[in-house]
PDB file of N, CA and C in Angstrom:
ATOM      1  N   MET A   1     -23.318  82.767 -54.688  1.00  0.00           N
ATOM      2  CA  MET A   1     -23.057  84.197 -54.647  1.00  0.00           C
ATOM      3  C   MET A   1     -23.337  84.729 -53.250  1.00  0.00           C
ATOM      4  N   PHE A   2     -22.749  85.852 -52.965  1.00  0.00           N
ATOM      5  CA  PHE A   2     -22.954  86.515 -51.690  1.00  0.00           C
ATOM      6  C   PHE A   2     -22.775  88.005 -51.899  1.00  0.00           C
ATOM      7  N   MET A   3     -23.157  88.793 -50.918  1.00  0.00           N
ATOM      8  CA  MET A   3     -22.928  90.230 -51.021  1.00  0.00           C
ATOM      9  C   MET A   3     -22.151  90.715 -49.817  1.00  0.00           C
ATOM     10  N   ILE A   4     -21.354  91.731 -50.061  1.00  0.00           N
ATOM     11  CA  ILE A   4     -20.502  92.318 -49.036  1.00  0.00           C
ATOM     12  C   ILE A   4     -20.909  93.775 -48.867  1.00  0.00           C
ATOM     13  N   PHE A   5     -21.060  94.200 -47.625  1.00  0.00           N
ATOM     14  CA  PHE A   5     -21.306  95.615 -47.380  1.00  0.00           C
ATOM     15  C   PHE A   5     -20.676  96.035 -46.054  1.00  0.00           C
ATOM     16  N   SER A   6     -20.443  97.327 -45.947  1.00  0.00           N
ATOM     17  CA  SER A   6     -19.873  97.904 -44.731  1.00  0.00           C
ATOM     18  C   SER A   6     -20.986  98.428 -43.847  1.00  0.00           C
ATOM     19  N   PHE A   7     -20.699  98.503 -42.565  1.00  0.00           N
ATOM     20  CA  PHE A   7     -21.661  99.069 -41.629  1.00  0.00           C
ATOM     21  C   PHE A   7     -20.922  99.980 -40.660  1.00  0.00           C
ATOM     22  N   VAL A   8     -21.604 101.004 -40.196  1.00  0.00           N
ATOM     23  CA  VAL A   8     -21.036 101.925 -39.218  1.00  0.00           C
ATOM     24  C   VAL A   8     -22.189 102.582 -38.475  1.00  0.00           C
ATOM     25  N   GLY A   9     -22.020 102.741 -37.178  1.00  0.00           N
ATOM     26  CA  GLY A   9     -23.061 103.397 -36.408  1.00  0.00           C
ATOM     27  C   GLY A   9     -22.678 103.534 -34.952  1.00  0.00           C
ATOM     28  N   LYS A  10     -23.462 104.335 -34.279  1.00  0.00           N
ATOM     29  CA  LYS A  10     -23.294 104.551 -32.842  1.00  0.00           C
ATOM     30  C   LYS A  10     -24.692 104.675 -32.268  1.00  0.00           C
ATOM     31  N   LYS A  11     -25.021 103.819 -31.362  1.00  0.00           N
ATOM     32  CA  LYS A  11     -26.330 103.826 -30.721  1.00  0.00           C
ATOM     33  C   LYS A  11     -26.177 104.285 -29.276  1.00  0.00           C
ATOM     34  N   GLU A  12     -27.309 104.510 -28.621  1.00  0.00           N
ATOM     35  CA  GLU A  12     -27.286 104.953 -27.230  1.00  0.00           C
ATOM     36  C   GLU A  12     -26.478 103.977 -26.372  1.00  0.00           C
ATOM     37  N   ASN A  13     -25.610 104.516 -25.555  1.00  0.00           N
ATOM     38  CA  ASN A  13     -24.751 103.740 -24.646  1.00  0.00           C
ATOM     39  C   ASN A  13     -23.735 102.857 -25.363  1.00  0.00           C
ATOM     40  N   THR A  14     -23.396 103.194 -26.603  1.00  0.00           N
ATOM     41  CA  THR A  14     -22.335 102.465 -27.297  1.00  0.00           C
ATOM     42  C   THR A  14     -21.310 103.456 -27.832  1.00  0.00           C
ATOM     43  N   LYS A  15     -20.187 102.920 -28.205  1.00  0.00           N
ATOM     44  CA  LYS A  15     -19.174 103.676 -28.930  1.00  0.00           C
ATOM     45  C   LYS A  15     -19.399 103.410 -30.421  1.00  0.00           C
ATOM     46  N   LEU A  16     -18.537 103.947 -31.260  1.00  0.00           N
ATOM     47  CA  LEU A  16     -18.641 103.714 -32.692  1.00  0.00           C
ATOM     48  C   LEU A  16     -18.411 102.237 -32.996  1.00  0.00           C
ATOM     49  N   ILE A  17     -19.314 101.661 -33.784  1.00  0.00           N
ATOM     50  CA  ILE A  17     -19.214 100.261 -34.208  1.00  0.00           C
ATOM     51  C   ILE A  17     -19.183 100.266 -35.728  1.00  0.00           C
ATOM     52  N   ARG A  18     -18.181  99.611 -36.309  1.00  0.00           N
ATOM     53  CA  ARG A  18     -18.078  99.573 -37.771  1.00  0.00           C
ATOM     54  C   ARG A  18     -17.503  98.231 -38.193  1.00  0.00           C
ATOM     55  N   GLY A  19     -17.589  97.960 -39.475  1.00  0.00           N
ATOM     56  CA  GLY A  19     -17.017  96.722 -39.974  1.00  0.00           C
ATOM     57  C   GLY A  19     -17.543  96.363 -41.339  1.00  0.00           C
ATOM     58  N   THR A  20     -17.321  95.121 -41.698  1.00  0.00           N
ATOM     59  CA  THR A  20     -17.729  94.580 -42.992  1.00  0.00           C
ATOM     60  C   THR A  20     -18.375  93.228 -42.757  1.00  0.00           C
ATOM     61  N   VAL A  21     -19.405  92.954 -43.541  1.00  0.00           N
ATOM     62  CA  VAL A  21     -20.097  91.673 -43.421  1.00  0.00           C
ATOM     63  C   VAL A  21     -20.341  91.099 -44.811  1.00  0.00           C
ATOM     64  N   GLU A  22     -20.187  89.787 -44.934  1.00  0.00           N
ATOM     65  CA  GLU A  22     -20.549  89.056 -46.146  1.00  0.00           C
ATOM     66  C   GLU A  22     -21.808  88.269 -45.821  1.00  0.00           C
ATOM     67  N   LEU A  23     -22.835  88.455 -46.648  1.00  0.00           N
ATOM     68  CA  LEU A  23     -24.090  87.726 -46.474  1.00  0.00           C
ATOM     69  C   LEU A  23     -24.300  86.780 -47.637  1.00  0.00           C
ATOM     70  N   THR A  24     -24.813  85.592 -47.328  1.00  0.00           N
ATOM     71  CA  THR A  24     -25.227  84.682 -48.386  1.00  0.00           C
ATOM     72  C   THR A  24     -26.535  85.213 -48.964  1.00  0.00           C
ATOM     73  N   LEU A  25     -26.947  84.699 -50.103  1.00  0.00           N
ATOM     74  CA  LEU A  25     -28.181  85.177 -50.724  1.00  0.00           C
ATOM     75  C   LEU A  25     -29.411  84.887 -49.882  1.00  0.00           C
ATOM     76  N   ASP A  26     -29.341  83.890 -49.009  1.00  0.00           N
ATOM     77  CA  ASP A  26     -30.485  83.625 -48.132  1.00  0.00           C
ATOM     78  C   ASP A  26     -30.410  84.433 -46.835  1.00  0.00           C
ATOM     79  N   GLY A  27     -29.482  85.391 -46.757  1.00  0.00           N
ATOM     80  CA  GLY A  27     -29.436  86.332 -45.645  1.00  0.00           C
ATOM     81  C   GLY A  27     -28.661  85.897 -44.422  1.00  0.00           C
ATOM     82  N   CYS A  28     -27.834  84.877 -44.550  1.00  0.00           N
ATOM     83  CA  CYS A  28     -27.023  84.422 -43.412  1.00  0.00           C
ATOM     84  C   CYS A  28     -25.624  85.029 -43.489  1.00  0.00           C
ATOM     85  N   ILE A  29     -25.050  85.276 -42.334  1.00  0.00           N
ATOM     86  CA  ILE A  29     -23.706  85.840 -42.269  1.00  0.00           C
ATOM     87  C   ILE A  29     -22.694  84.766 -42.648  1.00  0.00           C
ATOM     88  N   LYS A  30     -21.929  85.063 -43.690  1.00  0.00           N
ATOM     89  CA  LYS A  30     -20.854  84.163 -44.109  1.00  0.00           C
ATOM     90  C   LYS A  30     -19.565  84.523 -43.375  1.00  0.00           C
ATOM     91  N   HIS A  31     -19.314  85.813 -43.241  1.00  0.00           N
ATOM     92  CA  HIS A  31     -18.124  86.308 -42.541  1.00  0.00           C
ATOM     93  C   HIS A  31     -18.432  87.715 -42.046  1.00  0.00           C
ATOM     94  N   ILE A  32     -17.924  88.046 -40.880  1.00  0.00           N
ATOM     95  CA  ILE A  32     -18.107  89.399 -40.346  1.00  0.00           C
ATOM     96  C   ILE A  32     -16.824  89.853 -39.674  1.00  0.00           C
ATOM     97  N   GLN A  33     -16.504  91.114 -39.868  1.00  0.00           N
ATOM     98  CA  GLN A  33     -15.366  91.739 -39.202  1.00  0.00           C
ATOM     99  C   GLN A  33     -15.913  92.959 -38.472  1.00  0.00           C
ATOM    100  N   ILE A  34     -15.747  92.988 -37.160  1.00  0.00           N
ATOM    101  CA  ILE A  34     -16.287  94.058 -36.326  1.00  0.00           C
ATOM    102  C   ILE A  34     -15.126  94.859 -35.751  1.00  0.00           C
ATOM    103  N   ARG A  35     -15.189  96.165 -35.922  1.00  0.00           N
ATOM    104  CA  ARG A  35     -14.168  97.065 -35.387  1.00  0.00           C
ATOM    105  C   ARG A  35     -14.876  98.268 -34.777  1.00  0.00           C
ATOM    106  N   GLY A  36     -14.130  99.129 -34.117  1.00  0.00           N
ATOM    107  CA  GLY A  36     -14.727 100.339 -33.570  1.00  0.00           C
ATOM    108  C   GLY A  36     -13.992 100.844 -32.350  1.00  0.00           C
ATOM    109  N   ASP A  37     -14.650 101.754 -31.637  1.00  0.00           N
ATOM    110  CA  ASP A  37     -14.059 102.400 -30.469  1.00  0.00           C
ATOM    111  C   ASP A  37     -14.434 101.710 -29.163  1.00  0.00           C
ATOM    112  N   PHE A  38     -15.014 100.545 -29.241  1.00  0.00           N
ATOM    113  CA  PHE A  38     -15.447  99.788 -28.072  1.00  0.00           C
ATOM    114  C   PHE A  38     -14.298  98.935 -27.535  1.00  0.00           C
ATOM    115  N   PHE A  39     -14.535  98.324 -26.383  1.00  0.00           N
ATOM    116  CA  PHE A  39     -13.551  97.427 -25.779  1.00  0.00           C
ATOM    117  C   PHE A  39     -14.191  96.079 -25.490  1.00  0.00           C
ATOM    118  N   ILE A  40     -13.487  95.019 -25.804  1.00  0.00           N
ATOM    119  CA  ILE A  40     -13.872  93.667 -25.410  1.00  0.00           C
ATOM    120  C   ILE A  40     -12.633  93.042 -24.779  1.00  0.00           C
ATOM    121  N   TYR A  41     -12.813  92.523 -23.575  1.00  0.00           N
ATOM    122  CA  TYR A  41     -11.690  91.907 -22.870  1.00  0.00           C
ATOM    123  C   TYR A  41     -12.073  90.500 -22.456  1.00  0.00           C
ATOM    124  N   PRO A  42     -11.242  89.522 -22.693  1.00  0.00           N
ATOM    125  CA  PRO A  42      -9.952  89.611 -23.378  1.00  0.00           C
ATOM    126  C   PRO A  42     -10.137  89.898 -24.873  1.00  0.00           C
ATOM    127  N   GLU A  43      -9.126  90.502 -25.465  1.00  0.00           N
ATOM    128  CA  GLU A  43      -9.205  90.950 -26.852  1.00  0.00           C
ATOM    129  C   GLU A  43      -9.496  89.828 -27.837  1.00  0.00           C
ATOM    130  N   ASP A  44      -8.968  88.631 -27.594  1.00  0.00           N
ATOM    131  CA  ASP A  44      -9.192  87.533 -28.540  1.00  0.00           C
ATOM    132  C   ASP A  44     -10.637  87.039 -28.521  1.00  0.00           C
ATOM    133  N   ALA A  45     -11.436  87.513 -27.586  1.00  0.00           N
ATOM    134  CA  ALA A  45     -12.851  87.139 -27.548  1.00  0.00           C
ATOM    135  C   ALA A  45     -13.603  87.692 -28.756  1.00  0.00           C
ATOM    136  N   LEU A  46     -13.138  88.804 -29.309  1.00  0.00           N
ATOM    137  CA  LEU A  46     -13.814  89.373 -30.476  1.00  0.00           C
ATOM    138  C   LEU A  46     -13.799  88.396 -31.643  1.00  0.00           C
ATOM    139  N   GLU A  47     -12.683  87.731 -31.861  1.00  0.00           N
ATOM    140  CA  GLU A  47     -12.600  86.741 -32.941  1.00  0.00           C
ATOM    141  C   GLU A  47     -13.592  85.600 -32.695  1.00  0.00           C
ATOM    142  N   TYR A  48     -13.711  85.164 -31.461  1.00  0.00           N
ATOM    143  CA  TYR A  48     -14.670  84.109 -31.109  1.00  0.00           C
ATOM    144  C   TYR A  48     -16.102  84.578 -31.379  1.00  0.00           C
ATOM    145  N   ILE A  49     -16.404  85.817 -31.019  1.00  0.00           N
ATOM    146  CA  ILE A  49     -17.738  86.369 -31.249  1.00  0.00           C
ATOM    147  C   ILE A  49     -18.028  86.444 -32.744  1.00  0.00           C
ATOM    148  N   GLU A  50     -17.067  86.932 -33.524  1.00  0.00           N
ATOM    149  CA  GLU A  50     -17.256  87.011 -34.979  1.00  0.00           C
ATOM    150  C   GLU A  50     -17.538  85.630 -35.564  1.00  0.00           C
ATOM    151  N   LYS A  51     -16.765  84.632 -35.165  1.00  0.00           N
ATOM    152  CA  LYS A  51     -16.979  83.256 -35.655  1.00  0.00           C
ATOM    153  C   LYS A  51     -18.354  82.739 -35.236  1.00  0.00           C
ATOM    154  N   SER A  52     -18.782  83.092 -34.034  1.00  0.00           N
ATOM    155  CA  SER A  52     -20.080  82.639 -33.534  1.00  0.00           C
ATOM    156  C   SER A  52     -21.243  83.236 -34.314  1.00  0.00           C
ATOM    157  N   LEU A  53     -21.029  84.397 -34.920  1.00  0.00           N
ATOM    158  CA  LEU A  53     -22.089  85.036 -35.700  1.00  0.00           C
ATOM    159  C   LEU A  53     -22.235  84.427 -37.093  1.00  0.00           C
ATOM    160  N   GLU A  54     -21.213  83.721 -37.565  1.00  0.00           N
ATOM    161  CA  GLU A  54     -21.279  83.105 -38.891  1.00  0.00           C
ATOM    162  C   GLU A  54     -22.400  82.073 -38.931  1.00  0.00           C
ATOM    163  N   GLY A  55     -23.204  82.148 -39.971  1.00  0.00           N
ATOM    164  CA  GLY A  55     -24.329  81.235 -40.132  1.00  0.00           C
ATOM    165  C   GLY A  55     -25.634  81.776 -39.584  1.00  0.00           C
ATOM    166  N   SER A  56     -25.576  82.875 -38.834  1.00  0.00           N
ATOM    167  CA  SER A  56     -26.806  83.433 -38.275  1.00  0.00           C
ATOM    168  C   SER A  56     -27.416  84.462 -39.218  1.00  0.00           C
ATOM    169  N   SER A  57     -28.691  84.701 -39.038  1.00  0.00           N
ATOM    170  CA  SER A  57     -29.369  85.749 -39.799  1.00  0.00           C
ATOM    171  C   SER A  57     -29.155  87.082 -39.087  1.00  0.00           C
ATOM    172  N   LEU A  58     -29.419  88.180 -39.783  1.00  0.00           N
ATOM    173  CA  LEU A  58     -29.262  89.491 -39.162  1.00  0.00           C
ATOM    174  C   LEU A  58     -30.208  89.658 -37.980  1.00  0.00           C
ATOM    175  N   SER A  59     -31.351  89.000 -38.029  1.00  0.00           N
ATOM    176  CA  SER A  59     -32.324  89.119 -36.938  1.00  0.00           C
ATOM    177  C   SER A  59     -31.931  88.311 -35.704  1.00  0.00           C
ATOM    178  N   ASP A  60     -30.883  87.523 -35.796  1.00  0.00           N
ATOM    179  CA  ASP A  60     -30.441  86.693 -34.673  1.00  0.00           C
ATOM    180  C   ASP A  60     -29.108  87.174 -34.084  1.00  0.00           C
ATOM    181  N   VAL A  61     -28.596  88.298 -34.580  1.00  0.00           N
ATOM    182  CA  VAL A  61     -27.278  88.791 -34.163  1.00  0.00           C
ATOM    183  C   VAL A  61     -27.234  89.112 -32.672  1.00  0.00           C
ATOM    184  N   ALA A  62     -28.244  89.791 -32.149  1.00  0.00           N
ATOM    185  CA  ALA A  62     -28.224  90.192 -30.734  1.00  0.00           C
ATOM    186  C   ALA A  62     -28.120  88.972 -29.825  1.00  0.00           C
ATOM    187  N   ARG A  63     -28.924  87.968 -30.091  1.00  0.00           N
ATOM    188  CA  ARG A  63     -28.926  86.762 -29.263  1.00  0.00           C
ATOM    189  C   ARG A  63     -27.594  86.025 -29.362  1.00  0.00           C
ATOM    190  N   ARG A  64     -27.094  85.850 -30.590  1.00  0.00           N
ATOM    191  CA  ARG A  64     -25.838  85.116 -30.779  1.00  0.00           C
ATOM    192  C   ARG A  64     -24.650  85.877 -30.181  1.00  0.00           C
ATOM    193  N   PHE A  65     -24.654  87.199 -30.318  1.00  0.00           N
ATOM    194  CA  PHE A  65     -23.589  88.021 -29.743  1.00  0.00           C
ATOM    195  C   PHE A  65     -23.555  87.839 -28.224  1.00  0.00           C
ATOM    196  N   SER A  66     -24.711  87.967 -27.584  1.00  0.00           N
ATOM    197  CA  SER A  66     -24.791  87.828 -26.122  1.00  0.00           C
ATOM    198  C   SER A  66     -24.363  86.439 -25.673  1.00  0.00           C
ATOM    199  N   TRP A  67     -24.800  85.423 -26.409  1.00  0.00           N
ATOM    200  CA  TRP A  67     -24.427  84.051 -26.081  1.00  0.00           C
ATOM    201  C   TRP A  67     -22.910  83.877 -26.159  1.00  0.00           C
ATOM    202  N   ALA A  68     -22.301  84.349 -27.255  1.00  0.00           N
ATOM    203  CA  ALA A  68     -20.858  84.186 -27.459  1.00  0.00           C
ATOM    204  C   ALA A  68     -20.064  84.946 -26.400  1.00  0.00           C
ATOM    205  N   LEU A  69     -20.512  86.136 -26.056  1.00  0.00           N
ATOM    206  CA  LEU A  69     -19.840  86.933 -25.033  1.00  0.00           C
ATOM    207  C   LEU A  69     -19.827  86.184 -23.704  1.00  0.00           C
ATOM    208  N   GLU A  70     -20.964  85.630 -23.342  1.00  0.00           N
ATOM    209  CA  GLU A  70     -21.063  84.873 -22.093  1.00  0.00           C
ATOM    210  C   GLU A  70     -20.270  83.566 -22.174  1.00  0.00           C
ATOM    211  N   GLU A  71     -20.356  82.898 -23.316  1.00  0.00           N
ATOM    212  CA  GLU A  71     -19.689  81.605 -23.502  1.00  0.00           C
ATOM    213  C   GLU A  71     -18.174  81.704 -23.307  1.00  0.00           C
ATOM    214  N   CYS A  72     -17.576  82.790 -23.774  1.00  0.00           N
ATOM    215  CA  CYS A  72     -16.121  82.919 -23.641  1.00  0.00           C
ATOM    216  C   CYS A  72     -15.720  83.744 -22.423  1.00  0.00           C
ATOM    217  N   GLY A  73     -16.681  84.130 -21.601  1.00  0.00           N
ATOM    218  CA  GLY A  73     -16.380  84.841 -20.364  1.00  0.00           C
ATOM    219  C   GLY A  73     -15.796  86.225 -20.567  1.00  0.00           C
ATOM    220  N   ALA A  74     -16.185  86.880 -21.658  1.00  0.00           N
ATOM    221  CA  ALA A  74     -15.631  88.193 -21.978  1.00  0.00           C
ATOM    222  C   ALA A  74     -16.507  89.312 -21.414  1.00  0.00           C
ATOM    223  N   GLU A  75     -15.912  90.482 -21.336  1.00  0.00           N
ATOM    224  CA  GLU A  75     -16.622  91.687 -20.933  1.00  0.00           C
ATOM    225  C   GLU A  75     -16.559  92.674 -22.083  1.00  0.00           C
ATOM    226  N   ALA A  76     -17.673  93.375 -22.315  1.00  0.00           N
ATOM    227  CA  ALA A  76     -17.737  94.348 -23.402  1.00  0.00           C
ATOM    228  C   ALA A  76     -18.123  95.714 -22.847  1.00  0.00           C
ATOM    229  N   LEU A  77     -17.480  96.741 -23.361  1.00  0.00           N
ATOM    230  CA  LEU A  77     -17.782  98.115 -23.000  1.00  0.00           C
ATOM    231  C   LEU A  77     -17.922  98.907 -24.294  1.00  0.00           C
ATOM    232  N   GLY A  78     -19.075  99.505 -24.505  1.00  0.00           N
ATOM    233  CA  GLY A  78     -19.291 100.317 -25.693  1.00  0.00           C
ATOM    234  C   GLY A  78     -19.864  99.559 -26.868  1.00  0.00           C
ATOM    235  N   ILE A  79     -20.241  98.300 -26.671  1.00  0.00           N
ATOM    236  CA  ILE A  79     -20.873  97.507 -27.721  1.00  0.00           C
ATOM    237  C   ILE A  79     -21.791  96.495 -27.050  1.00  0.00           C
ATOM    238  N   ASN A  80     -22.904  96.220 -27.703  1.00  0.00           N
ATOM    239  CA  ASN A  80     -23.788  95.148 -27.254  1.00  0.00           C
ATOM    240  C   ASN A  80     -24.470  94.549 -28.478  1.00  0.00           C
ATOM    241  N   GLY A  81     -25.039  93.394 -28.300  1.00  0.00           N
ATOM    242  CA  GLY A  81     -25.639  92.682 -29.419  1.00  0.00           C
ATOM    243  C   GLY A  81     -26.803  93.404 -30.055  1.00  0.00           C
ATOM    244  N   GLU A  82     -27.622  94.061 -29.244  1.00  0.00           N
ATOM    245  CA  GLU A  82     -28.777  94.773 -29.780  1.00  0.00           C
ATOM    246  C   GLU A  82     -28.342  95.912 -30.698  1.00  0.00           C
ATOM    247  N   ALA A  83     -27.356  96.692 -30.259  1.00  0.00           N
ATOM    248  CA  ALA A  83     -26.860  97.799 -31.079  1.00  0.00           C
ATOM    249  C   ALA A  83     -26.231  97.284 -32.370  1.00  0.00           C
ATOM    250  N   LEU A  84     -25.430  96.228 -32.272  1.00  0.00           N
ATOM    251  CA  LEU A  84     -24.806  95.658 -33.466  1.00  0.00           C
ATOM    252  C   LEU A  84     -25.868  95.186 -34.451  1.00  0.00           C
ATOM    253  N   GLN A  85     -26.892  94.521 -33.960  1.00  0.00           N
ATOM    254  CA  GLN A  85     -27.960  94.030 -34.835  1.00  0.00           C
ATOM    255  C   GLN A  85     -28.667  95.187 -35.541  1.00  0.00           C
ATOM    256  N   ILE A  86     -28.994  96.244 -34.818  1.00  0.00           N
ATOM    257  CA  ILE A  86     -29.673  97.397 -35.419  1.00  0.00           C
ATOM    258  C   ILE A  86     -28.792  98.048 -36.474  1.00  0.00           C
ATOM    259  N   ILE A  87     -27.512  98.237 -36.169  1.00  0.00           N
ATOM    260  CA  ILE A  87     -26.584  98.860 -37.122  1.00  0.00           C
ATOM    261  C   ILE A  87     -26.460  98.008 -38.381  1.00  0.00           C
ATOM    262  N   LEU A  88     -26.349  96.697 -38.223  1.00  0.00           N
ATOM    263  CA  LEU A  88     -26.272  95.795 -39.381  1.00  0.00           C
ATOM    264  C   LEU A  88     -27.544  95.862 -40.216  1.00  0.00           C
ATOM    265  N   GLN A  89     -28.701  95.832 -39.568  1.00  0.00           N
ATOM    266  CA  GLN A  89     -29.964  95.861 -40.301  1.00  0.00           C
ATOM    267  C   GLN A  89     -30.154  97.190 -41.022  1.00  0.00           C
ATOM    268  N   GLU A  90     -29.786  98.292 -40.383  1.00  0.00           N
ATOM    269  CA  GLU A  90     -29.887  99.599 -41.035  1.00  0.00           C
ATOM    270  C   GLU A  90     -28.977  99.664 -42.256  1.00  0.00           C
ATOM    271  N   ALA A  91     -27.760  99.166 -42.129  1.00  0.00           N
ATOM    272  CA  ALA A  91     -26.824  99.179 -43.258  1.00  0.00           C
ATOM    273  C   ALA A  91     -27.340  98.299 -44.389  1.00  0.00           C
ATOM    274  N   PHE A  92     -27.872  97.139 -44.051  1.00  0.00           N
ATOM    275  CA  PHE A  92     -28.398  96.228 -45.066  1.00  0.00           C
ATOM    276  C   PHE A  92     -29.556  96.873 -45.819  1.00  0.00           C
ATOM    277  N   HIS A  93     -30.479  97.476 -45.102  1.00  0.00           N
ATOM    278  CA  HIS A  93     -31.663  98.062 -45.736  1.00  0.00           C
ATOM    279  C   HIS A  93     -31.358  99.353 -46.487  1.00  0.00           C
ATOM    280  N   SER A  94     -30.215  99.964 -46.221  1.00  0.00           N
ATOM    281  CA  SER A  94     -29.853 101.187 -46.937  1.00  0.00           C
ATOM    282  C   SER A  94     -29.089 100.899 -48.231  1.00  0.00           C
ATOM    283  N   GLN A  95     -28.830  99.635 -48.498  1.00  0.00           N
ATOM    284  CA  GLN A  95     -28.090  99.253 -49.702  1.00  0.00           C
ATOM    285  C   GLN A  95     -28.990  99.346 -50.930  1.00  0.00           C
ATOM    286  N   ASP A  96     -28.599 100.161 -51.911  1.00  0.00           N
ATOM    287  CA  ASP A  96     -29.294 100.153 -53.197  1.00  0.00           C
ATOM    288  C   ASP A  96     -28.890  98.910 -53.967  1.00  0.00           C
ATOM    289  N   LYS A  97     -27.623  98.590 -53.857  1.00  0.00           N
ATOM    290  CA  LYS A  97     -27.072  97.386 -54.465  1.00  0.00           C
ATOM    291  C   LYS A  97     -25.858  97.003 -53.647  1.00  0.00           C
ATOM    292  N   PRO A  98     -25.435  95.772 -53.688  1.00  0.00           N
ATOM    293  CA  PRO A  98     -24.275  95.353 -52.905  1.00  0.00           C
ATOM    294  C   PRO A  98     -23.035  96.149 -53.261  1.00  0.00           C
ATOM    295  N   ALA A  99     -22.223  96.429 -52.248  1.00  0.00           N
ATOM    296  CA  ALA A  99     -20.961  97.126 -52.484  1.00  0.00           C
ATOM    297  C   ALA A  99     -20.046  96.272 -53.340  1.00  0.00           C
ATOM    298  N   LYS A 100     -20.155  94.966 -53.182  1.00  0.00           N
ATOM    299  CA  LYS A 100     -19.326  94.044 -53.945  1.00  0.00           C
ATOM    300  C   LYS A 100     -20.038  92.705 -53.973  1.00  0.00           C
ATOM    301  N   GLU A 101     -20.036  92.072 -55.095  1.00  0.00           N
ATOM    302  CA  GLU A 101     -20.614  90.738 -55.185  1.00  0.00           C
ATOM    303  C   GLU A 101     -19.512  89.738 -55.444  1.00  0.00           C
ATOM    304  N   GLY A 102     -19.647  88.580 -54.874  1.00  0.00           N
ATOM    305  CA  GLY A 102     -18.668  87.521 -55.086  1.00  0.00           C
ATOM    306  C   GLY A 102     -19.366  86.223 -55.410  1.00  0.00           C
ATOM    307  N   ARG A 103     -18.615  85.245 -55.748  1.00  0.00           N
ATOM    308  CA  ARG A 103     -19.176  83.927 -56.064  1.00  0.00           C
ATOM    309  C   ARG A 103     -18.651  82.920 -55.094  1.00  0.00           C
TER     310      ARG A 103
END
C-alpha cells in the first residue's frame, strides 16, 4: 500500500511549487510530480530530478534535489531543494488521512 497527497507552497525566494507525491508506508517517495511557476533549464532536467527523488525519504529531499540538479548540469530559478522539502513535509503532516490510498 501507499498514500498519495498533493502539495503546494511558496517559500522565501521561491515561486509557487506544487505537485503530487506517492509515498510508501515506510515513508519513501514512490513517485513525485513537481510543477509550479519556477524554471528549470534544460526543461527535461525536471524529469531527471523527479526520478532521482524516488526511493528517498522526505527528510532527504533537499540533498537529493541538489545532487540531481548538479548531476544533470541544470539551473533552477524559483525552486530549491530546501523549499521543496519543507513544502512536502508540511503537506504530509497536515494530512488527516491520505487523499487516496492504493495497493
